[in-house]
C-alpha atoms as a PDB file:
ATOM      1  CA  MET A   1      -0.062  -0.024  -0.008  1.00  0.00           C
ATOM      2  CA  PHE A   2       2.765   2.346   0.963  1.00  0.00           C
ATOM      3  CA  SER A   3       5.023   1.312  -1.971  1.00  0.00           C
ATOM      4  CA  ASP A   4       2.073   2.052  -4.267  1.00  0.00           C
ATOM      5  CA  PHE A   5       1.786   5.718  -2.929  1.00  0.00           C
ATOM      6  CA  VAL A   6       5.497   6.148  -3.247  1.00  0.00           C
ATOM      7  CA  LEU A   7       5.648   4.856  -6.793  1.00  0.00           C
ATOM      8  CA  ILE A   8       2.516   6.907  -7.978  1.00  0.00           C
ATOM      9  CA  PHE A   9       3.812   9.895  -6.256  1.00  0.00           C
ATOM     10  CA  GLY A  10       7.264   9.410  -7.644  1.00  0.00           C
ATOM     11  CA  MET A  11       5.953   9.099 -11.315  1.00  0.00           C
ATOM     12  CA  SER A  12       3.629  12.057 -10.858  1.00  0.00           C
ATOM     13  CA  LEU A  13       6.417  14.130  -9.472  1.00  0.00           C
ATOM     14  CA  LEU A  14       8.627  13.242 -12.410  1.00  0.00           C
ATOM     15  CA  PHE A  15       6.084  14.022 -14.951  1.00  0.00           C
ATOM     16  CA  LEU A  16       5.445  17.431 -13.439  1.00  0.00           C
ATOM     17  CA  VAL A  17       9.206  18.263 -13.449  1.00  0.00           C
ATOM     18  CA  VAL A  18       9.414  17.188 -17.086  1.00  0.00           C
ATOM     19  CA  LEU A  19       6.463  19.640 -17.865  1.00  0.00           C
ATOM     20  CA  PHE A  20       8.022  22.379 -16.083  1.00  0.00           C
ATOM     21  CA  VAL A  21      11.418  21.763 -17.693  1.00  0.00           C
ATOM     22  CA  LEU A  22       9.723  21.640 -21.185  1.00  0.00           C
ATOM     23  CA  ASN A  23       8.090  25.028 -20.493  1.00  0.00           C
ATOM     24  CA  THR A  24      11.406  26.654 -20.154  1.00  0.00           C
ATOM     25  CA  LYS A  25      13.916  27.879 -22.763  1.00  0.00           C
ATOM     26  CA  PRO A  26      15.423  24.797 -24.440  1.00  0.00           C
ATOM     27  CA  ASP A  27      19.018  24.087 -24.321  1.00  0.00           C
ATOM     28  CA  ASP A  28      21.182  21.119 -24.394  1.00  0.00           C
ATOM     29  CA  SER A  29      21.412  20.609 -20.553  1.00  0.00           C
ATOM     30  CA  LYS A  30      17.748  20.675 -20.190  1.00  0.00           C
ATOM     31  CA  LYS A  31      17.301  18.092 -23.021  1.00  0.00           C
ATOM     32  CA  VAL A  32      19.572  15.697 -21.215  1.00  0.00           C
ATOM     33  CA  LEU A  33      17.718  16.464 -17.814  1.00  0.00           C
ATOM     34  CA  ILE A  34      14.317  15.647 -19.594  1.00  0.00           C
ATOM     35  CA  PHE A  35      15.753  12.265 -20.951  1.00  0.00           C
ATOM     36  CA  PHE A  36      16.958  11.398 -17.345  1.00  0.00           C
ATOM     37  CA  PHE A  37      13.695  12.162 -15.858  1.00  0.00           C
ATOM     38  CA  ILE A  38      11.795  10.339 -18.444  1.00  0.00           C
ATOM     39  CA  ASN A  39      13.987   7.373 -18.018  1.00  0.00           C
ATOM     40  CA  ALA A  40      13.375   7.455 -14.285  1.00  0.00           C
ATOM     41  CA  PHE A  41       9.700   7.605 -15.001  1.00  0.00           C
ATOM     42  CA  PHE A  42       9.627   4.435 -16.727  1.00  0.00           C
ATOM     43  CA  PHE A  43      12.142   2.875 -14.234  1.00  0.00           C
ATOM     44  CA  LEU A  44       9.518   3.470 -11.607  1.00  0.00           C
ATOM     45  CA  LEU A  45       6.648   2.233 -13.954  1.00  0.00           C
ATOM     46  CA  TYR A  46       8.544  -0.930 -14.225  1.00  0.00           C
ATOM     47  CA  TYR A  47       8.429  -1.573 -10.444  1.00  0.00           C
ATOM     48  CA  TYR A  48       4.805  -0.500 -10.305  1.00  0.00           C
ATOM     49  CA  SER A  49       4.061  -3.027 -12.957  1.00  0.00           C
ATOM     50  CA  PHE A  50       5.960  -5.914 -11.236  1.00  0.00           C
ATOM     51  CA  LEU A  51       4.210  -5.060  -8.040  1.00  0.00           C
ATOM     52  CA  HIS A  52       0.857  -5.440  -9.576  1.00  0.00           C
ATOM     53  CA  LYS A  53       1.882  -8.069 -12.113  1.00  0.00           C
ATOM     54  CA  ALA A  54       0.652  -6.032 -15.043  1.00  0.00           C
ATOM     55  CA  ARG A  55       2.443  -7.579 -17.929  1.00  0.00           C
ATOM     56  CA  HIS A  56       1.291  -5.038 -20.453  1.00  0.00           C
ATOM     57  CA  LEU A  57       2.747  -2.207 -18.420  1.00  0.00           C
ATOM     58  CA  GLY A  58       5.885  -4.185 -17.688  1.00  0.00           C
ATOM     59  CA  ALA A  59       6.444  -4.654 -21.538  1.00  0.00           C
ATOM     60  CA  ILE A  60       6.374  -1.077 -22.077  1.00  0.00           C
ATOM     61  CA  ALA A  61       8.547  -0.076 -19.012  1.00  0.00           C
ATOM     62  CA  ILE A  62      11.269  -2.701 -19.841  1.00  0.00           C
ATOM     63  CA  LEU A  63      11.257  -1.332 -23.491  1.00  0.00           C
ATOM     64  CA  PHE A  64      11.874   2.307 -22.434  1.00  0.00           C
ATOM     65  CA  GLY A  65      13.197   2.032 -18.964  1.00  0.00           C
ATOM     66  CA  SER A  66      15.375  -1.054 -18.953  1.00  0.00           C
ATOM     67  CA  GLY A  67      19.118  -0.403 -18.775  1.00  0.00           C
ATOM     68  CA  THR A  68      18.901   2.637 -16.642  1.00  0.00           C
ATOM     69  CA  GLY A  69      22.017   1.604 -14.858  1.00  0.00           C
ATOM     70  CA  PHE A  70      23.908   1.966 -18.115  1.00  0.00           C
ATOM     71  CA  LEU A  71      22.545   5.465 -18.621  1.00  0.00           C
ATOM     72  CA  LEU A  72      22.927   7.050 -15.357  1.00  0.00           C
ATOM     73  CA  GLY A  73      26.874   7.580 -15.693  1.00  0.00           C
ATOM     74  CA  PRO A  74      26.698   8.942 -19.321  1.00  0.00           C
ATOM     75  CA  LEU A  75      23.707  11.016 -18.674  1.00  0.00           C
ATOM     76  CA  LEU A  76      25.402  12.648 -15.573  1.00  0.00           C
ATOM     77  CA  LEU A  77      28.623  13.220 -17.442  1.00  0.00           C
ATOM     78  CA  PHE A  78      26.636  14.816 -20.617  1.00  0.00           C
ATOM     79  CA  TYR A  79      24.587  17.004 -18.185  1.00  0.00           C
ATOM     80  CA  ILE A  80      27.555  18.410 -16.214  1.00  0.00           C
ATOM     81  CA  LYS A  81      29.463  18.864 -19.482  1.00  0.00           C
ATOM     82  CA  SER A  82      26.597  20.765 -21.009  1.00  0.00           C
ATOM     83  CA  LEU A  83      26.545  22.982 -18.118  1.00  0.00           C
ATOM     84  CA  VAL A  84      30.355  23.812 -18.363  1.00  0.00           C
ATOM     85  CA  LEU A  85      31.356  23.344 -22.047  1.00  0.00           C
ATOM     86  CA  PRO A  86      29.966  24.708 -25.161  1.00  0.00           C
ATOM     87  CA  SER A  87      27.882  22.232 -27.121  1.00  0.00           C
ATOM     88  CA  GLN A  88      30.460  21.530 -29.846  1.00  0.00           C
ATOM     89  CA  LYS A  89      33.141  20.086 -27.299  1.00  0.00           C
ATOM     90  CA  TYR A  90      30.892  17.477 -25.688  1.00  0.00           C
ATOM     91  CA  LEU A  91      28.616  16.417 -28.432  1.00  0.00           C
ATOM     92  CA  SER A  92      31.629  14.922 -30.516  1.00  0.00           C
ATOM     93  CA  HIS A  93      32.050  11.842 -28.082  1.00  0.00           C
ATOM     94  CA  LEU A  94      28.474  11.524 -27.174  1.00  0.00           C
ATOM     95  CA  PHE A  95      27.618   8.107 -28.816  1.00  0.00           C
ATOM     96  CA  VAL A  96      30.833   6.321 -27.534  1.00  0.00           C
ATOM     97  CA  HIS A  97      29.420   6.343 -23.930  1.00  0.00           C
ATOM     98  CA  LEU A  98      26.084   4.934 -25.018  1.00  0.00           C
ATOM     99  CA  ILE A  99      27.313   1.811 -26.758  1.00  0.00           C
ATOM    100  CA  PRO A 100      26.839  -0.371 -23.684  1.00  0.00           C
ATOM    101  CA  PHE A 101      23.176   0.800 -23.205  1.00  0.00           C
ATOM    102  CA  LEU A 102      22.393   0.252 -26.961  1.00  0.00           C
ATOM    103  CA  ILE A 103      23.979  -3.232 -26.794  1.00  0.00           C
ATOM    104  CA  TYR A 104      21.905  -4.002 -23.743  1.00  0.00           C
ATOM    105  CA  TRP A 105      18.736  -2.536 -25.248  1.00  0.00           C
ATOM    106  CA  LEU A 106      19.037  -4.518 -28.479  1.00  0.00           C
ATOM    107  CA  VAL A 107      20.065  -7.759 -26.961  1.00  0.00           C
ATOM    108  CA  ILE A 108      17.941  -7.928 -23.771  1.00  0.00           C
ATOM    109  CA  SER A 109      15.301  -5.064 -23.501  1.00  0.00           C
ATOM    110  CA  LEU A 110      13.813  -5.320 -26.939  1.00  0.00           C
ATOM    111  CA  PRO A 111      13.380  -9.059 -27.247  1.00  0.00           C
ATOM    112  CA  LEU A 112      12.096  -9.371 -23.601  1.00  0.00           C
ATOM    113  CA  SER A 113       9.455  -6.631 -24.202  1.00  0.00           C
ATOM    114  CA  LEU A 114       8.375  -8.119 -27.473  1.00  0.00           C
ATOM    115  CA  ASP A 115       7.974 -11.471 -25.769  1.00  0.00           C
ATOM    116  CA  MET A 116       5.997 -10.036 -23.006  1.00  0.00           C
ATOM    117  CA  LEU A 117       3.759  -8.169 -25.504  1.00  0.00           C
ATOM    118  CA  LEU A 118       3.104 -11.332 -27.513  1.00  0.00           C
ATOM    119  CA  VAL A 119       2.072 -13.277 -24.366  1.00  0.00           C
ATOM    120  CA  CYS A 120      -0.361 -10.326 -23.400  1.00  0.00           C
ATOM    121  CA  PHE A 121      -1.540  -9.941 -26.860  1.00  0.00           C
ATOM    122  CA  PRO A 122      -1.441 -13.144 -28.889  1.00  0.00           C
ATOM    123  CA  GLY A 123      -2.995 -11.830 -32.097  1.00  0.00           C
ATOM    124  CA  THR A 124       0.064  -9.384 -32.584  1.00  0.00           C
ATOM    125  CA  GLY A 125       2.485 -12.112 -33.333  1.00  0.00           C
ATOM    126  CA  MET A 126       1.941 -12.175 -36.972  1.00  0.00           C
ATOM    127  CA  PHE A 127       1.947  -8.413 -37.196  1.00  0.00           C
ATOM    128  CA  ILE A 128       5.404  -8.147 -35.440  1.00  0.00           C
ATOM    129  CA  ARG A 129       6.654 -10.973 -37.800  1.00  0.00           C
ATOM    130  CA  ASN A 130       5.618  -9.101 -40.843  1.00  0.00           C
ATOM    131  CA  LEU A 131       7.085  -5.750 -39.504  1.00  0.00           C
ATOM    132  CA  LEU A 132      10.441  -7.563 -38.842  1.00  0.00           C
ATOM    133  CA  ILE A 133      10.463  -9.026 -42.293  1.00  0.00           C
ATOM    134  CA  LEU A 134      10.062  -5.756 -43.956  1.00  0.00           C
END
């Protein structure tokens, strides 16, 4: 009961923070901050779906929020660099730090999420197969 309150309150608070940051003047540091908060939202959504055994929510949360551990370090680094350096200096090495997350997402998160969606919605299997063939 208390964990439900904490998870829902945390997700609501993260959603409001993203809305407030979106209403300000955009720059690189705010984009990184928004991405961090959206990732944290899906991380909390994953635990909420695990607590209530909601497989459809879990599949969505795994697709977008899994691998948060691989993103925390690079996002913190990019946020600090975006505050200190001009955008040309830190954007050149941006994608090198995201390679472990991309590998984890392609190898673990995407197949697991698709498998969970196929179990929840059995009729979508043929649609996904046709989509992957194209």
